[in-house]
PDB file of all heavy atoms in Angstrom:
ATOM      1  N   VAL A   1       0.577   9.799  -2.462  1.00  0.00           N
ATOM      2  CA  VAL A   1      -0.334  10.035  -1.333  1.00  0.00           C
ATOM      3  C   VAL A   1       0.398   9.897  -0.003  1.00  0.00           C
ATOM      4  O   VAL A   1       0.392  10.806   0.820  1.00  0.00           O
ATOM      5  CB  VAL A   1      -1.553   9.087  -1.368  1.00  0.00           C
ATOM      6  CG1 VAL A   1      -2.500   9.381  -0.201  1.00  0.00           C
ATOM      7  CG2 VAL A   1      -2.296   9.222  -2.687  1.00  0.00           C
ATOM      8  N   VAL A   2       1.014   8.731   0.247  1.00  0.00           N
ATOM      9  CA  VAL A   2       1.795   8.507   1.462  1.00  0.00           C
ATOM     10  C   VAL A   2       3.278   8.697   1.144  1.00  0.00           C
ATOM     11  O   VAL A   2       3.671   8.803  -0.018  1.00  0.00           O
ATOM     12  CB  VAL A   2       1.546   7.094   2.031  1.00  0.00           C
ATOM     13  CG1 VAL A   2       0.110   6.948   2.483  1.00  0.00           C
ATOM     14  CG2 VAL A   2       1.877   6.024   1.000  1.00  0.00           C
ATOM     15  N   GLY A   3       4.112   8.725   2.184  1.00  0.00           N
ATOM     16  CA  GLY A   3       5.538   8.934   1.990  1.00  0.00           C
ATOM     17  C   GLY A   3       6.242   7.705   1.424  1.00  0.00           C
ATOM     18  O   GLY A   3       5.691   6.600   1.403  1.00  0.00           O
ATOM     19  N   GLU A   4       7.475   7.892   0.998  1.00  0.00           N
ATOM     20  CA  GLU A   4       8.241   6.808   0.376  1.00  0.00           C
ATOM     21  C   GLU A   4       8.404   5.619   1.307  1.00  0.00           C
ATOM     22  O   GLU A   4       8.250   4.460   0.910  1.00  0.00           O
ATOM     23  CB  GLU A   4       9.620   7.326  -0.059  1.00  0.00           C
ATOM     24  CG  GLU A   4      10.481   6.268  -0.731  1.00  0.00           C
ATOM     25  CD  GLU A   4      11.855   6.788  -1.100  1.00  0.00           C
ATOM     26  OE1 GLU A   4      12.095   8.010  -0.959  1.00  0.00           O
ATOM     27  OE2 GLU A   4      12.709   5.977  -1.531  1.00  0.00           O
ATOM     28  N   GLY A   5       8.718   5.902   2.569  1.00  0.00           N
ATOM     29  CA  GLY A   5       8.894   4.810   3.517  1.00  0.00           C
ATOM     30  C   GLY A   5       7.605   4.026   3.733  1.00  0.00           C
ATOM     31  O   GLY A   5       7.627   2.797   3.849  1.00  0.00           O
ATOM     32  N   LYS A   6       6.475   4.737   3.765  1.00  0.00           N
ATOM     33  CA  LYS A   6       5.188   4.061   3.960  1.00  0.00           C
ATOM     34  C   LYS A   6       4.818   3.237   2.722  1.00  0.00           C
ATOM     35  O   LYS A   6       4.203   2.170   2.851  1.00  0.00           O
ATOM     36  CB  LYS A   6       4.104   5.088   4.272  1.00  0.00           C
ATOM     37  CG  LYS A   6       2.767   4.491   4.657  1.00  0.00           C
ATOM     38  CD  LYS A   6       2.852   3.636   5.917  1.00  0.00           C
ATOM     39  CE  LYS A   6       3.131   4.450   7.150  1.00  0.00           C
ATOM     40  NZ  LYS A   6       3.008   3.668   8.404  1.00  0.00           N
ATOM     41  N   VAL A   7       5.200   3.711   1.547  1.00  0.00           N
ATOM     42  CA  VAL A   7       4.958   2.926   0.332  1.00  0.00           C
ATOM     43  C   VAL A   7       5.698   1.599   0.416  1.00  0.00           C
ATOM     44  O   VAL A   7       5.156   0.536   0.083  1.00  0.00           O
ATOM     45  CB  VAL A   7       5.388   3.696  -0.932  1.00  0.00           C
ATOM     46  CG1 VAL A   7       5.290   2.794  -2.169  1.00  0.00           C
ATOM     47  CG2 VAL A   7       4.521   4.919  -1.139  1.00  0.00           C
ATOM     48  N   GLN A   8       6.945   1.646   0.895  1.00  0.00           N
ATOM     49  CA  GLN A   8       7.720   0.418   1.052  1.00  0.00           C
ATOM     50  C   GLN A   8       7.086  -0.503   2.089  1.00  0.00           C
ATOM     51  O   GLN A   8       7.043  -1.727   1.917  1.00  0.00           O
ATOM     52  CB  GLN A   8       9.162   0.761   1.459  1.00  0.00           C
ATOM     53  CG  GLN A   8       9.976   1.413   0.358  1.00  0.00           C
ATOM     54  CD  GLN A   8      10.137   0.501  -0.844  1.00  0.00           C
ATOM     55  OE1 GLN A   8      10.420  -0.691  -0.713  1.00  0.00           O
ATOM     56  NE2 GLN A   8       9.944   1.048  -2.032  1.00  0.00           N
ATOM     57  N   GLU A   9       6.571   0.096   3.164  1.00  0.00           N
ATOM     58  CA  GLU A   9       5.902  -0.714   4.187  1.00  0.00           C
ATOM     59  C   GLU A   9       4.650  -1.380   3.620  1.00  0.00           C
ATOM     60  O   GLU A   9       4.370  -2.555   3.881  1.00  0.00           O
ATOM     61  CB  GLU A   9       5.529   0.150   5.385  1.00  0.00           C
ATOM     62  CG  GLU A   9       4.831  -0.638   6.494  1.00  0.00           C
ATOM     63  CD  GLU A   9       4.295   0.253   7.593  1.00  0.00           C
ATOM     64  OE1 GLU A   9       4.888   1.323   7.820  1.00  0.00           O
ATOM     65  OE2 GLU A   9       3.287  -0.112   8.210  1.00  0.00           O
ATOM     66  N   ILE A  10       3.886  -0.620   2.831  1.00  0.00           N
ATOM     67  CA  ILE A  10       2.690  -1.186   2.199  1.00  0.00           C
ATOM     68  C   ILE A  10       3.059  -2.328   1.277  1.00  0.00           C
ATOM     69  O   ILE A  10       2.419  -3.387   1.275  1.00  0.00           O
ATOM     70  CB  ILE A  10       1.924  -0.085   1.435  1.00  0.00           C
ATOM     71  CG1 ILE A  10       1.353   0.952   2.407  1.00  0.00           C
ATOM     72  CG2 ILE A  10       0.798  -0.684   0.591  1.00  0.00           C
ATOM     73  CD1 ILE A  10       0.833   2.202   1.733  1.00  0.00           C
ATOM     74  N   ALA A  11       4.118  -2.115   0.471  1.00  0.00           N
ATOM     75  CA  ALA A  11       4.554  -3.167  -0.451  1.00  0.00           C
ATOM     76  C   ALA A  11       4.980  -4.418   0.301  1.00  0.00           C
ATOM     77  O   ALA A  11       4.638  -5.547  -0.079  1.00  0.00           O
ATOM     78  CB  ALA A  11       5.702  -2.650  -1.316  1.00  0.00           C
ATOM     79  N   LEU A  12       5.714  -4.222   1.396  1.00  0.00           N
ATOM     80  CA  LEU A  12       6.179  -5.353   2.191  1.00  0.00           C
ATOM     81  C   LEU A  12       4.998  -6.077   2.848  1.00  0.00           C
ATOM     82  O   LEU A  12       4.933  -7.311   2.845  1.00  0.00           O
ATOM     83  CB  LEU A  12       7.165  -4.868   3.259  1.00  0.00           C
ATOM     84  CG  LEU A  12       7.692  -5.921   4.234  1.00  0.00           C
ATOM     85  CD1 LEU A  12       8.393  -7.043   3.488  1.00  0.00           C
ATOM     86  CD2 LEU A  12       8.638  -5.282   5.245  1.00  0.00           C
ATOM     87  N   THR A  13       4.059  -5.310   3.389  1.00  0.00           N
ATOM     88  CA  THR A  13       2.897  -5.915   4.037  1.00  0.00           C
ATOM     89  C   THR A  13       2.052  -6.681   3.022  1.00  0.00           C
ATOM     90  O   THR A  13       1.584  -7.794   3.301  1.00  0.00           O
ATOM     91  CB  THR A  13       2.045  -4.835   4.724  1.00  0.00           C
ATOM     92  OG1 THR A  13       2.865  -4.096   5.626  1.00  0.00           O
ATOM     93  CG2 THR A  13       0.897  -5.455   5.495  1.00  0.00           C
ATOM     94  N   ALA A  14       1.855  -6.082   1.842  1.00  0.00           N
ATOM     95  CA  ALA A  14       1.084  -6.760   0.797  1.00  0.00           C
ATOM     96  C   ALA A  14       1.755  -8.062   0.383  1.00  0.00           C
ATOM     97  O   ALA A  14       1.093  -9.090   0.185  1.00  0.00           O
ATOM     98  CB  ALA A  14       0.910  -5.837  -0.409  1.00  0.00           C
ATOM     99  N   GLN A  15       3.080  -8.029   0.275  1.00  0.00           N
ATOM    100  CA  GLN A  15       3.826  -9.232  -0.113  1.00  0.00           C
ATOM    101  C   GLN A  15       3.755 -10.280   0.991  1.00  0.00           C
ATOM    102  O   GLN A  15       3.532 -11.477   0.740  1.00  0.00           O
ATOM    103  CB  GLN A  15       5.280  -8.847  -0.391  1.00  0.00           C
ATOM    104  CG  GLN A  15       6.142  -9.979  -0.884  1.00  0.00           C
ATOM    105  CD  GLN A  15       5.784 -10.369  -2.308  1.00  0.00           C
ATOM    106  OE1 GLN A  15       4.973 -11.252  -2.520  1.00  0.00           O
ATOM    107  NE2 GLN A  15       6.390  -9.717  -3.272  1.00  0.00           N
ATOM    108  N   THR A  16       3.932  -9.837   2.231  1.00  0.00           N
ATOM    109  CA  THR A  16       3.939 -10.764   3.354  1.00  0.00           C
ATOM    110  C   THR A  16       2.587 -11.452   3.546  1.00  0.00           C
ATOM    111  O   THR A  16       2.520 -12.656   3.797  1.00  0.00           O
ATOM    112  CB  THR A  16       4.320 -10.013   4.651  1.00  0.00           C
ATOM    113  OG1 THR A  16       5.599  -9.406   4.480  1.00  0.00           O
ATOM    114  CG2 THR A  16       4.382 -10.968   5.833  1.00  0.00           C
ATOM    115  N   LEU A  17       1.509 -10.685   3.405  1.00  0.00           N
ATOM    116  CA  LEU A  17       0.173 -11.223   3.644  1.00  0.00           C
ATOM    117  C   LEU A  17      -0.445 -11.853   2.400  1.00  0.00           C
ATOM    118  O   LEU A  17      -1.514 -12.457   2.487  1.00  0.00           O
ATOM    119  CB  LEU A  17      -0.752 -10.109   4.158  1.00  0.00           C
ATOM    120  CG  LEU A  17      -0.358  -9.441   5.477  1.00  0.00           C
ATOM    121  CD1 LEU A  17      -1.355  -8.349   5.840  1.00  0.00           C
ATOM    122  CD2 LEU A  17      -0.267 -10.467   6.598  1.00  0.00           C
ATOM    123  N   GLY A  18       0.208 -11.696   1.252  1.00  0.00           N
ATOM    124  CA  GLY A  18      -0.354 -12.243   0.022  1.00  0.00           C
ATOM    125  C   GLY A  18      -1.564 -11.466  -0.455  1.00  0.00           C
ATOM    126  O   GLY A  18      -2.507 -12.033  -1.011  1.00  0.00           O
ATOM    127  N   ALA A  19      -1.562 -10.130  -0.257  1.00  0.00           N
ATOM    128  CA  ALA A  19      -2.683  -9.299  -0.699  1.00  0.00           C
ATOM    129  C   ALA A  19      -2.721  -9.223  -2.222  1.00  0.00           C
ATOM    130  O   ALA A  19      -1.680  -9.159  -2.878  1.00  0.00           O
ATOM    131  CB  ALA A  19      -2.566  -7.893  -0.104  1.00  0.00           C
ATOM    132  N   SER A  20      -3.942  -9.228  -2.772  1.00  0.00           N
ATOM    133  CA  SER A  20      -4.111  -9.100  -4.222  1.00  0.00           C
ATOM    134  C   SER A  20      -4.646  -7.733  -4.607  1.00  0.00           C
ATOM    135  O   SER A  20      -4.740  -7.421  -5.795  1.00  0.00           O
ATOM    136  CB  SER A  20      -5.070 -10.179  -4.737  1.00  0.00           C
ATOM    137  OG  SER A  20      -6.333 -10.080  -4.079  1.00  0.00           O
ATOM    138  N   LEU A  21      -5.007  -6.911  -3.621  1.00  0.00           N
ATOM    139  CA  LEU A  21      -5.577  -5.597  -3.897  1.00  0.00           C
ATOM    140  C   LEU A  21      -5.268  -4.658  -2.743  1.00  0.00           C
ATOM    141  O   LEU A  21      -5.353  -5.040  -1.582  1.00  0.00           O
ATOM    142  CB  LEU A  21      -7.102  -5.714  -4.081  1.00  0.00           C
ATOM    143  CG  LEU A  21      -7.867  -4.433  -4.400  1.00  0.00           C
ATOM    144  CD1 LEU A  21      -7.513  -3.927  -5.784  1.00  0.00           C
ATOM    145  CD2 LEU A  21      -9.374  -4.671  -4.293  1.00  0.00           C
ATOM    146  N   VAL A  22      -4.927  -3.409  -3.080  1.00  0.00           N
ATOM    147  CA  VAL A  22      -4.704  -2.358  -2.084  1.00  0.00           C
ATOM    148  C   VAL A  22      -5.763  -1.285  -2.311  1.00  0.00           C
ATOM    149  O   VAL A  22      -5.932  -0.791  -3.432  1.00  0.00           O
ATOM    150  CB  VAL A  22      -3.291  -1.755  -2.205  1.00  0.00           C
ATOM    151  CG1 VAL A  22      -3.144  -0.546  -1.286  1.00  0.00           C
ATOM    152  CG2 VAL A  22      -2.236  -2.807  -1.864  1.00  0.00           C
ATOM    153  N   VAL A  23      -6.501  -0.930  -1.235  1.00  0.00           N
ATOM    154  CA  VAL A  23      -7.596   0.034  -1.343  1.00  0.00           C
ATOM    155  C   VAL A  23      -7.282   1.245  -0.465  1.00  0.00           C
ATOM    156  O   VAL A  23      -7.063   1.102   0.741  1.00  0.00           O
ATOM    157  CB  VAL A  23      -8.938  -0.586  -0.919  1.00  0.00           C
ATOM    158  CG1 VAL A  23     -10.045   0.459  -1.009  1.00  0.00           C
ATOM    159  CG2 VAL A  23      -9.278  -1.787  -1.787  1.00  0.00           C
ATOM    160  N   PHE A  24      -7.277   2.440  -1.070  1.00  0.00           N
ATOM    161  CA  PHE A  24      -7.047   3.690  -0.339  1.00  0.00           C
ATOM    162  C   PHE A  24      -8.382   4.318   0.033  1.00  0.00           C
ATOM    163  O   PHE A  24      -9.329   4.324  -0.766  1.00  0.00           O
ATOM    164  CB  PHE A  24      -6.246   4.671  -1.194  1.00  0.00           C
ATOM    165  CG  PHE A  24      -4.754   4.471  -1.125  1.00  0.00           C
ATOM    166  CD1 PHE A  24      -4.160   3.407  -1.772  1.00  0.00           C
ATOM    167  CD2 PHE A  24      -3.958   5.342  -0.399  1.00  0.00           C
ATOM    168  CE1 PHE A  24      -2.788   3.208  -1.709  1.00  0.00           C
ATOM    169  CE2 PHE A  24      -2.587   5.155  -0.329  1.00  0.00           C
ATOM    170  CZ  PHE A  24      -1.993   4.095  -0.980  1.00  0.00           C
ATOM    171  N   ASP A  25      -8.447   4.882   1.242  1.00  0.00           N
ATOM    172  CA  ASP A  25      -9.678   5.502   1.729  1.00  0.00           C
ATOM    173  C   ASP A  25      -9.758   6.963   1.276  1.00  0.00           C
ATOM    174  O   ASP A  25      -9.967   7.870   2.078  1.00  0.00           O
ATOM    175  CB  ASP A  25      -9.750   5.419   3.252  1.00  0.00           C
ATOM    176  CG  ASP A  25     -11.106   5.913   3.775  1.00  0.00           C
ATOM    177  OD1 ASP A  25     -12.085   5.809   3.026  1.00  0.00           O
ATOM    178  OD2 ASP A  25     -11.161   6.404   4.916  1.00  0.00           O
ATOM    179  N   ARG A  26      -9.532   7.207   0.017  1.00  0.00           N
ATOM    180  CA  ARG A  26      -9.658   8.536  -0.576  1.00  0.00           C
ATOM    181  C   ARG A  26      -9.533   8.391  -2.082  1.00  0.00           C
ATOM    182  O   ARG A  26      -9.080   7.363  -2.573  1.00  0.00           O
ATOM    183  CB  ARG A  26      -8.606   9.510  -0.052  1.00  0.00           C
ATOM    184  CG  ARG A  26      -7.185   9.126  -0.301  1.00  0.00           C
ATOM    185  CD  ARG A  26      -6.243  10.196   0.218  1.00  0.00           C
ATOM    186  NE  ARG A  26      -6.450  10.504   1.618  1.00  0.00           N
ATOM    187  CZ  ARG A  26      -6.922  11.674   2.050  1.00  0.00           C
ATOM    188  NH1 ARG A  26      -7.259  12.610   1.184  1.00  0.00           N
ATOM    189  NH2 ARG A  26      -7.085  11.898   3.335  1.00  0.00           N
ATOM    190  N   ASP A  27      -9.938   9.404  -2.804  1.00  0.00           N
ATOM    191  CA  ASP A  27      -9.817   9.338  -4.255  1.00  0.00           C
ATOM    192  C   ASP A  27      -8.367   9.514  -4.669  1.00  0.00           C
ATOM    193  O   ASP A  27      -7.632  10.334  -4.095  1.00  0.00           O
ATOM    194  CB  ASP A  27     -10.676  10.429  -4.915  1.00  0.00           C
ATOM    195  CG  ASP A  27     -12.156  10.076  -4.908  1.00  0.00           C
ATOM    196  OD1 ASP A  27     -12.465   8.886  -4.678  1.00  0.00           O
ATOM    197  OD2 ASP A  27     -12.989  10.964  -5.121  1.00  0.00           O
ATOM    198  N   LEU A  28      -7.951   8.751  -5.667  1.00  0.00           N
ATOM    199  CA  LEU A  28      -6.587   8.796  -6.186  1.00  0.00           C
ATOM    200  C   LEU A  28      -6.595   9.318  -7.613  1.00  0.00           C
ATOM    201  O   LEU A  28      -7.515   9.021  -8.385  1.00  0.00           O
ATOM    202  CB  LEU A  28      -5.961   7.403  -6.169  1.00  0.00           C
ATOM    203  CG  LEU A  28      -5.880   6.674  -4.822  1.00  0.00           C
ATOM    204  CD1 LEU A  28      -5.343   5.264  -5.023  1.00  0.00           C
ATOM    205  CD2 LEU A  28      -5.014   7.440  -3.834  1.00  0.00           C
ATOM    206  N   SER A  29      -5.569  10.068  -7.964  1.00  0.00           N
ATOM    207  CA  SER A  29      -5.431  10.514  -9.347  1.00  0.00           C
ATOM    208  C   SER A  29      -4.847   9.372 -10.178  1.00  0.00           C
ATOM    209  O   SER A  29      -4.234   8.445  -9.638  1.00  0.00           O
ATOM    210  CB  SER A  29      -4.507  11.731  -9.419  1.00  0.00           C
ATOM    211  OG  SER A  29      -3.160  11.344  -9.141  1.00  0.00           O
TER     212      SER A  29
END
C-alpha cells in the first residue's frame, strides 16, 4: 500500500511508541 521507506517509518514508529496494532484507513488484500 505505502512505499518501502514509509513501511520502515511505520515499523520504527510502532516500535518506538510500543504500538500493538496498526490500522489502515482502507481495505487491504
